[in-house]
Amino acid sequence: MCIINERGLFKKLKFYRKIIVMKVIINDKAFLDKGYIISTDKSLLNFDVIYKYLDLESYWAKGIPAATLKASIENSFCFGVYYDNEQIGFAKVITDKATFAYIADVFILPEFRGKGLSKWLIQTIVNHADLQGLRRWSLATADAHGLYSQFGFTEITRPERWMEIFTPYQVPNKEEK
């Protein structure tokens, strides 16, 4: 089987059952020319930026312990968004790189929103060579359905088949921090 990459070139892949070609919504060059980059190099990640945003600003991970976040990053496929060598966004993919991927902890810092960076980030993730041919992608969102639907995400087809164990983080009182 073959996968068409962003340049329209074919790359042979042994174990993929179907050809997936994602529509390019955002032109990488437009962001690269402005000094933005997306990297999967974990050595570039700024843990303090990620932790501060998730712990204090996100609605989904408030109260996350630093050790939990560190382990999560170590065991996930991470994407950092950078401008002038400073981290301005993040996403991680929890995956076996063969059948399933769960996108989590997606954010762009508030001062960089409205530029299309989250769209570019999701496009980069779903088009990544290591994530092609997956049977299922999943994510949870309270407010970004419009973003994700541009990349083929829909509501869960059969929610009655999905189950979870949900253990929310304990958010300490401000006086305790």
Protein backbone atom coordinates (compact mmCIF):
# COMPACT_ATOMS: atom_id res chain seq x y z
CA MET A 1 0.00 0.00 0.00
CA CYS A 2 1.03 3.59 -0.44
CA ILE A 3 0.40 6.79 1.45
CA ILE A 4 0.49 10.14 -0.29
CA ASN A 5 2.49 12.60 1.74
CA GLU A 6 2.16 16.40 1.78
CA ARG A 7 4.28 16.74 -1.35
CA GLY A 8 2.11 14.30 -3.28
CA LEU A 9 4.86 11.66 -3.26
CA PHE A 10 4.11 8.02 -2.65
CA LYS A 11 5.71 6.20 0.23
CA LYS A 12 5.49 2.40 0.49
CA LEU A 13 4.18 1.12 3.77
CA LYS A 14 3.97 -2.60 4.49
CA PHE A 15 1.25 -3.00 7.06
CA TYR A 16 -1.46 -0.54 6.10
CA ARG A 17 -4.79 -1.80 4.81
CA LYS A 18 -6.02 1.32 3.11
CA ILE A 19 -4.85 4.58 1.63
CA ILE A 20 -5.60 7.59 3.75
CA VAL A 21 -5.13 11.00 2.22
CA MET A 22 -5.97 13.89 4.50
CA LYS A 23 -7.01 17.13 2.93
CA VAL A 24 -4.47 19.89 3.44
CA ILE A 25 -6.30 22.82 4.97
CA ILE A 26 -3.29 24.81 6.14
CA ASN A 27 -0.13 25.26 4.13
CA ASP A 28 2.88 24.42 6.33
CA LYS A 29 5.05 26.94 4.50
CA ALA A 30 2.78 29.83 5.49
CA PHE A 31 3.52 29.18 9.18
CA LEU A 32 7.15 28.19 8.74
CA ASP A 33 7.84 31.46 6.89
CA LYS A 34 6.43 33.37 9.88
CA GLY A 35 8.73 31.58 12.34
CA TYR A 36 6.34 28.93 13.68
CA ILE A 37 7.33 25.27 13.88
CA ILE A 38 5.77 22.04 15.09
CA SER A 39 8.10 19.36 16.41
CA THR A 40 7.83 15.91 17.96
CA ASP A 41 11.26 16.30 19.58
CA LYS A 42 10.55 15.92 23.31
CA SER A 43 13.82 17.64 24.22
CA LEU A 44 12.29 20.92 22.96
CA LEU A 45 9.21 20.70 25.19
CA ASN A 46 9.00 23.34 27.93
CA PHE A 47 7.45 21.40 30.79
CA ASP A 48 6.73 24.57 32.80
CA VAL A 49 4.66 26.09 29.97
CA ILE A 50 2.70 22.86 29.48
CA TYR A 51 2.15 22.31 33.19
CA LYS A 52 1.10 25.90 33.89
CA TYR A 53 -1.46 25.86 31.09
CA LEU A 54 -2.94 22.45 31.90
CA ASP A 55 -2.96 22.90 35.68
CA LEU A 56 -4.18 26.50 35.84
CA GLU A 57 -5.96 27.34 32.59
CA SER A 58 -7.42 24.21 31.00
CA TYR A 59 -10.89 22.99 31.91
CA TRP A 60 -9.92 19.32 31.55
CA ALA A 61 -6.71 18.95 33.59
CA LYS A 62 -6.93 21.47 36.44
CA GLY A 63 -5.09 20.06 39.42
CA ILE A 64 -2.99 17.58 37.45
CA PRO A 65 0.03 16.60 39.55
CA ALA A 66 3.36 17.49 37.95
CA ALA A 67 4.57 13.88 38.26
CA THR A 68 1.46 12.62 36.45
CA LEU A 69 2.00 15.08 33.61
CA LYS A 70 5.68 14.12 33.33
CA ALA A 71 4.80 10.43 33.06
CA SER A 72 2.08 11.24 30.55
CA ILE A 73 4.49 13.15 28.34
CA GLU A 74 7.17 10.44 28.61
CA ASN A 75 4.70 7.79 27.47
CA SER A 76 2.94 9.71 24.69
CA PHE A 77 3.71 10.90 21.19
CA CYS A 78 4.00 14.67 21.75
CA PHE A 79 3.73 17.64 19.40
CA GLY A 80 5.06 21.04 20.47
CA VAL A 81 4.23 24.29 18.70
CA TYR A 82 6.93 26.97 18.85
CA TYR A 83 7.42 30.60 17.85
CA ASP A 84 10.87 32.21 18.08
CA ASN A 85 12.11 29.15 20.01
CA GLU A 86 9.41 29.55 22.68
CA GLN A 87 6.70 26.95 23.22
CA ILE A 88 3.23 28.30 22.44
CA GLY A 89 1.20 25.11 22.03
CA PHE A 90 1.04 21.42 22.69
CA ALA A 91 -0.82 18.19 21.97
CA LYS A 92 -0.16 14.58 22.76
CA VAL A 93 -1.29 11.40 21.12
CA ILE A 94 -1.70 8.24 23.16
CA THR A 95 -1.28 5.47 20.60
CA ASP A 96 0.02 2.05 19.69
CA LYS A 97 0.83 3.53 16.21
CA ALA A 98 -0.97 0.58 14.59
CA THR A 99 -4.68 0.57 15.43
CA PHE A 100 -5.71 3.40 17.76
CA ALA A 101 -4.87 6.99 18.69
CA TYR A 102 -6.33 9.31 21.31
CA ILE A 103 -5.55 13.02 20.97
CA ALA A 104 -5.32 14.86 24.29
CA ASP A 105 -4.17 18.04 26.02
CA VAL A 106 -4.41 20.18 22.89
CA PHE A 107 -3.81 23.88 23.44
CA ILE A 108 -2.44 27.05 21.91
CA LEU A 109 -1.58 29.82 24.37
CA PRO A 110 -4.25 32.57 24.36
CA GLU A 111 -2.03 35.27 22.85
CA PHE A 112 -1.41 33.09 19.77
CA ARG A 113 -5.00 32.03 19.11
CA GLY A 114 -6.94 33.13 16.05
CA LYS A 115 -4.04 32.52 13.65
CA GLY A 116 -4.98 28.98 12.56
CA LEU A 117 -2.31 27.31 14.69
CA SER A 118 -4.66 24.76 16.27
CA LYS A 119 -5.87 23.78 12.81
CA TRP A 120 -2.26 23.43 11.64
CA LEU A 121 -1.44 21.37 14.75
CA ILE A 122 -4.31 18.91 14.23
CA GLN A 123 -3.53 18.66 10.51
CA THR A 124 0.11 17.88 11.36
CA ILE A 125 -0.95 15.20 13.84
CA VAL A 126 -3.44 13.38 11.60
CA ASN A 127 -1.04 13.54 8.64
CA HIS A 128 2.01 12.32 10.58
CA ALA A 129 3.61 9.32 8.84
CA ASP A 130 3.71 7.26 12.06
CA LEU A 131 -0.05 7.63 12.51
CA GLN A 132 -1.33 6.48 9.13
CA GLY A 133 -3.59 3.47 8.68
CA LEU A 134 -5.08 3.56 12.17
CA ARG A 135 -8.49 1.96 12.57
CA ARG A 136 -9.75 4.51 15.10
CA TRP A 137 -8.93 8.02 16.27
CA SER A 138 -10.59 9.44 19.37
CA LEU A 139 -10.65 12.61 21.44
CA ALA A 140 -12.83 14.46 23.91
CA THR A 141 -13.75 18.14 23.72
CA ALA A 142 -16.24 20.49 25.29
CA ASP A 143 -15.75 23.39 22.90
CA ALA A 144 -13.73 22.59 19.76
CA HIS A 145 -16.10 20.41 17.74
CA GLY A 146 -15.80 22.77 14.77
CA LEU A 147 -12.04 22.39 14.67
CA TYR A 148 -12.00 18.61 14.87
CA SER A 149 -14.88 18.08 12.45
CA GLN A 150 -12.73 19.66 9.72
CA PHE A 151 -10.51 16.59 10.02
CA GLY A 152 -13.28 13.99 9.92
CA PHE A 153 -14.02 13.66 13.64
CA THR A 154 -17.67 13.05 14.49
CA GLU A 155 -19.61 12.18 17.60
CA ILE A 156 -19.02 8.60 18.72
CA THR A 157 -21.10 6.37 16.46
CA ARG A 158 -22.03 3.87 19.13
CA PRO A 159 -21.56 5.51 22.54
CA GLU A 160 -23.33 2.59 24.22
CA ARG A 161 -20.25 0.49 23.42
CA TRP A 162 -17.83 2.86 25.15
CA MET A 163 -17.12 2.82 28.86
CA GLU A 164 -14.80 4.72 31.13
CA ILE A 165 -13.38 5.01 34.58
CA PHE A 166 -13.18 8.72 35.39
CA THR A 167 -11.14 9.92 38.36
CA PRO A 168 -10.94 13.73 38.32
CA TYR A 169 -7.89 15.48 39.73
CA GLN A 170 -8.33 17.08 43.11
CA VAL A 171 -7.99 20.85 42.74
CA PRO A 172 -6.51 22.30 45.93
CA ASN A 173 -7.88 25.51 47.42
CA LYS A 174 -5.85 28.59 46.47
CA GLU A 175 -4.66 28.89 50.06
CA GLU A 176 -3.21 25.36 49.89
CA LYS A 177 -1.07 26.00 46.79
